[in-house]
Amino acid sequence: MTDKFENLKSEVSDCTKCSLSSTRNKVVFGGGNPDAEIFV
C-alpha cells in the first residue's frame, strides 16, 4: 500500500485538471499508517 500512497501523492502534486492547480503553493499529505484500509 505504501507504493500506492506515494503514487497518489505524486499524482495529486502534478495534477492540473482544475483551476486550483494554478494557485496552489503546496500539496499537504498527512501522516499515519500508509497501510490503513481507509484514507480520509
PDB file of N, CA and C in Angstrom:
ATOM      1  N   MET A   1       0.822  -1.190   0.000  1.00  0.00           N
ATOM      2  CA  MET A   1       0.000   0.000   0.000  1.00  0.00           C
ATOM      3  C   MET A   1       0.864   1.251   0.000  1.00  0.00           C
ATOM      4  N   THR A   2       2.056   1.177   0.542  1.00  0.00           N
ATOM      5  CA  THR A   2       2.937   2.342   0.595  1.00  0.00           C
ATOM      6  C   THR A   2       3.232   2.878  -0.800  1.00  0.00           C
ATOM      7  N   ASP A   3       3.452   1.994  -1.761  1.00  0.00           N
ATOM      8  CA  ASP A   3       3.704   2.437  -3.138  1.00  0.00           C
ATOM      9  C   ASP A   3       2.495   3.163  -3.710  1.00  0.00           C
ATOM     10  N   LYS A   4       1.305   2.668  -3.412  1.00  0.00           N
ATOM     11  CA  LYS A   4       0.083   3.317  -3.897  1.00  0.00           C
ATOM     12  C   LYS A   4      -0.053   4.713  -3.303  1.00  0.00           C
ATOM     13  N   PHE A   5       0.287   4.853  -2.024  1.00  0.00           N
ATOM     14  CA  PHE A   5       0.210   6.153  -1.364  1.00  0.00           C
ATOM     15  C   PHE A   5       1.198   7.125  -1.997  1.00  0.00           C
ATOM     16  N   GLU A   6       2.399   6.687  -2.260  1.00  0.00           N
ATOM     17  CA  GLU A   6       3.400   7.543  -2.902  1.00  0.00           C
ATOM     18  C   GLU A   6       2.967   7.921  -4.318  1.00  0.00           C
ATOM     19  N   ASN A   7       2.380   6.973  -5.037  1.00  0.00           N
ATOM     20  CA  ASN A   7       1.874   7.266  -6.381  1.00  0.00           C
ATOM     21  C   ASN A   7       0.755   8.294  -6.327  1.00  0.00           C
ATOM     22  N   LEU A   8      -0.148   8.157  -5.360  1.00  0.00           N
ATOM     23  CA  LEU A   8      -1.240   9.114  -5.199  1.00  0.00           C
ATOM     24  C   LEU A   8      -0.699  10.496  -4.871  1.00  0.00           C
ATOM     25  N   LYS A   9       0.258  10.553  -3.976  1.00  0.00           N
ATOM     26  CA  LYS A   9       0.875  11.828  -3.594  1.00  0.00           C
ATOM     27  C   LYS A   9       1.506  12.507  -4.812  1.00  0.00           C
ATOM     28  N   SER A  10       2.210  11.759  -5.610  1.00  0.00           N
ATOM     29  CA  SER A  10       2.844  12.290  -6.812  1.00  0.00           C
ATOM     30  C   SER A  10       1.805  12.751  -7.830  1.00  0.00           C
ATOM     31  N   GLU A  11       0.768  11.946  -8.003  1.00  0.00           N
ATOM     32  CA  GLU A  11      -0.282  12.274  -8.966  1.00  0.00           C
ATOM     33  C   GLU A  11      -1.014  13.563  -8.567  1.00  0.00           C
ATOM     34  N   VAL A  12      -1.316  13.711  -7.295  1.00  0.00           N
ATOM     35  CA  VAL A  12      -2.001  14.913  -6.810  1.00  0.00           C
ATOM     36  C   VAL A  12      -1.092  16.131  -6.940  1.00  0.00           C
ATOM     37  N   SER A  13       0.160  15.980  -6.631  1.00  0.00           N
ATOM     38  CA  SER A  13       1.108  17.096  -6.709  1.00  0.00           C
ATOM     39  C   SER A  13       1.271  17.620  -8.128  1.00  0.00           C
ATOM     40  N   ASP A  14       1.160  16.735  -9.109  1.00  0.00           N
ATOM     41  CA  ASP A  14       1.347  17.115 -10.512  1.00  0.00           C
ATOM     42  C   ASP A  14       0.041  17.429 -11.246  1.00  0.00           C
ATOM     43  N   CYS A  15      -1.085  17.310 -10.564  1.00  0.00           N
ATOM     44  CA  CYS A  15      -2.392  17.453 -11.214  1.00  0.00           C
ATOM     45  C   CYS A  15      -2.657  18.890 -11.662  1.00  0.00           C
ATOM     46  N   THR A  16      -3.176  19.021 -12.876  1.00  0.00           N
ATOM     47  CA  THR A  16      -3.568  20.331 -13.415  1.00  0.00           C
ATOM     48  C   THR A  16      -4.970  20.257 -14.021  1.00  0.00           C
ATOM     49  N   LYS A  17      -5.810  19.361 -13.516  1.00  0.00           N
ATOM     50  CA  LYS A  17      -7.139  19.135 -14.088  1.00  0.00           C
ATOM     51  C   LYS A  17      -8.145  20.234 -13.757  1.00  0.00           C
ATOM     52  N   CYS A  18      -7.845  21.094 -12.799  1.00  0.00           N
ATOM     53  CA  CYS A  18      -8.777  22.178 -12.480  1.00  0.00           C
ATOM     54  C   CYS A  18      -7.994  23.458 -12.200  1.00  0.00           C
ATOM     55  N   SER A  19      -8.717  24.552 -12.049  1.00  0.00           N
ATOM     56  CA  SER A  19      -8.073  25.859 -11.860  1.00  0.00           C
ATOM     57  C   SER A  19      -7.350  25.993 -10.520  1.00  0.00           C
ATOM     58  N   LEU A  20      -7.646  25.132  -9.564  1.00  0.00           N
ATOM     59  CA  LEU A  20      -6.953  25.196  -8.276  1.00  0.00           C
ATOM     60  C   LEU A  20      -5.447  24.983  -8.435  1.00  0.00           C
ATOM     61  N   SER A  21      -5.062  24.250  -9.441  1.00  0.00           N
ATOM     62  CA  SER A  21      -3.644  23.957  -9.649  1.00  0.00           C
ATOM     63  C   SER A  21      -2.828  25.205  -9.966  1.00  0.00           C
ATOM     64  N   SER A  22      -3.462  26.225 -10.517  1.00  0.00           N
ATOM     65  CA  SER A  22      -2.715  27.435 -10.888  1.00  0.00           C
ATOM     66  C   SER A  22      -2.414  28.339  -9.699  1.00  0.00           C
ATOM     67  N   THR A  23      -3.102  28.128  -8.579  1.00  0.00           N
ATOM     68  CA  THR A  23      -2.887  28.991  -7.416  1.00  0.00           C
ATOM     69  C   THR A  23      -2.346  28.254  -6.194  1.00  0.00           C
ATOM     70  N   ARG A  24      -2.201  26.958  -6.278  1.00  0.00           N
ATOM     71  CA  ARG A  24      -1.725  26.227  -5.093  1.00  0.00           C
ATOM     72  C   ARG A  24      -0.234  26.461  -4.890  1.00  0.00           C
ATOM     73  N   ASN A  25       0.148  26.483  -3.629  1.00  0.00           N
ATOM     74  CA  ASN A  25       1.554  26.631  -3.259  1.00  0.00           C
ATOM     75  C   ASN A  25       2.143  25.304  -2.801  1.00  0.00           C
ATOM     76  N   LYS A  26       1.314  24.519  -2.130  1.00  0.00           N
ATOM     77  CA  LYS A  26       1.786  23.256  -1.569  1.00  0.00           C
ATOM     78  C   LYS A  26       0.671  22.229  -1.618  1.00  0.00           C
ATOM     79  N   VAL A  27       1.038  20.995  -1.726  1.00  0.00           N
ATOM     80  CA  VAL A  27       0.106  19.890  -1.554  1.00  0.00           C
ATOM     81  C   VAL A  27       0.501  19.232  -0.246  1.00  0.00           C
ATOM     82  N   VAL A  28      -0.440  19.144   0.672  1.00  0.00           N
ATOM     83  CA  VAL A  28      -0.128  18.653   2.015  1.00  0.00           C
ATOM     84  C   VAL A  28      -0.718  17.261   2.215  1.00  0.00           C
ATOM     85  N   PHE A  29       0.138  16.324   2.512  1.00  0.00           N
ATOM     86  CA  PHE A  29      -0.287  14.983   2.879  1.00  0.00           C
ATOM     87  C   PHE A  29       0.056  14.780   4.338  1.00  0.00           C
ATOM     88  N   GLY A  30      -0.850  14.180   5.068  1.00  0.00           N
ATOM     89  CA  GLY A  30      -0.637  13.947   6.489  1.00  0.00           C
ATOM     90  C   GLY A  30       0.161  12.697   6.744  1.00  0.00           C
ATOM     91  N   GLY A  31       0.267  12.389   7.997  1.00  0.00           N
ATOM     92  CA  GLY A  31       0.984  11.199   8.408  1.00  0.00           C
ATOM     93  C   GLY A  31       0.009  10.109   8.788  1.00  0.00           C
ATOM     94  N   GLY A  32       0.528   9.027   9.216  1.00  0.00           N
ATOM     95  CA  GLY A  32      -0.318   7.922   9.632  1.00  0.00           C
ATOM     96  C   GLY A  32       0.152   6.626   9.018  1.00  0.00           C
ATOM     97  N   ASN A  33      -0.649   5.642   9.204  1.00  0.00           N
ATOM     98  CA  ASN A  33      -0.332   4.307   8.720  1.00  0.00           C
ATOM     99  C   ASN A  33      -0.585   4.227   7.213  1.00  0.00           C
ATOM    100  N   PRO A  34       0.449   4.087   6.414  1.00  0.00           N
ATOM    101  CA  PRO A  34       0.257   4.007   4.962  1.00  0.00           C
ATOM    102  C   PRO A  34      -0.439   2.721   4.525  1.00  0.00           C
ATOM    103  N   ASP A  35      -0.560   1.763   5.430  1.00  0.00           N
ATOM    104  CA  ASP A  35      -1.228   0.504   5.115  1.00  0.00           C
ATOM    105  C   ASP A  35      -2.660   0.457   5.644  1.00  0.00           C
ATOM    106  N   ALA A  36      -3.196   1.600   6.068  1.00  0.00           N
ATOM    107  CA  ALA A  36      -4.569   1.653   6.570  1.00  0.00           C
ATOM    108  C   ALA A  36      -5.551   1.311   5.454  1.00  0.00           C
ATOM    109  N   GLU A  37      -6.681   0.742   5.830  1.00  0.00           N
ATOM    110  CA  GLU A  37      -7.687   0.381   4.832  1.00  0.00           C
ATOM    111  C   GLU A  37      -8.457   1.599   4.341  1.00  0.00           C
ATOM    112  N   ILE A  38      -8.510   2.661   5.145  1.00  0.00           N
ATOM    113  CA  ILE A  38      -9.285   3.852   4.801  1.00  0.00           C
ATOM    114  C   ILE A  38      -8.405   5.084   4.916  1.00  0.00           C
ATOM    115  N   PHE A  39      -8.478   5.959   3.903  1.00  0.00           N
ATOM    116  CA  PHE A  39      -7.813   7.263   3.945  1.00  0.00           C
ATOM    117  C   PHE A  39      -8.886   8.327   3.998  1.00  0.00           C
ATOM    118  N   VAL A  40      -8.686   9.340   4.835  1.00  0.00           N
ATOM    119  CA  VAL A  40      -9.653  10.438   4.939  1.00  0.00           C
ATOM    120  C   VAL A  40      -8.973  11.718   4.547  1.00  0.00           C
TER     121      VAL A  40
END
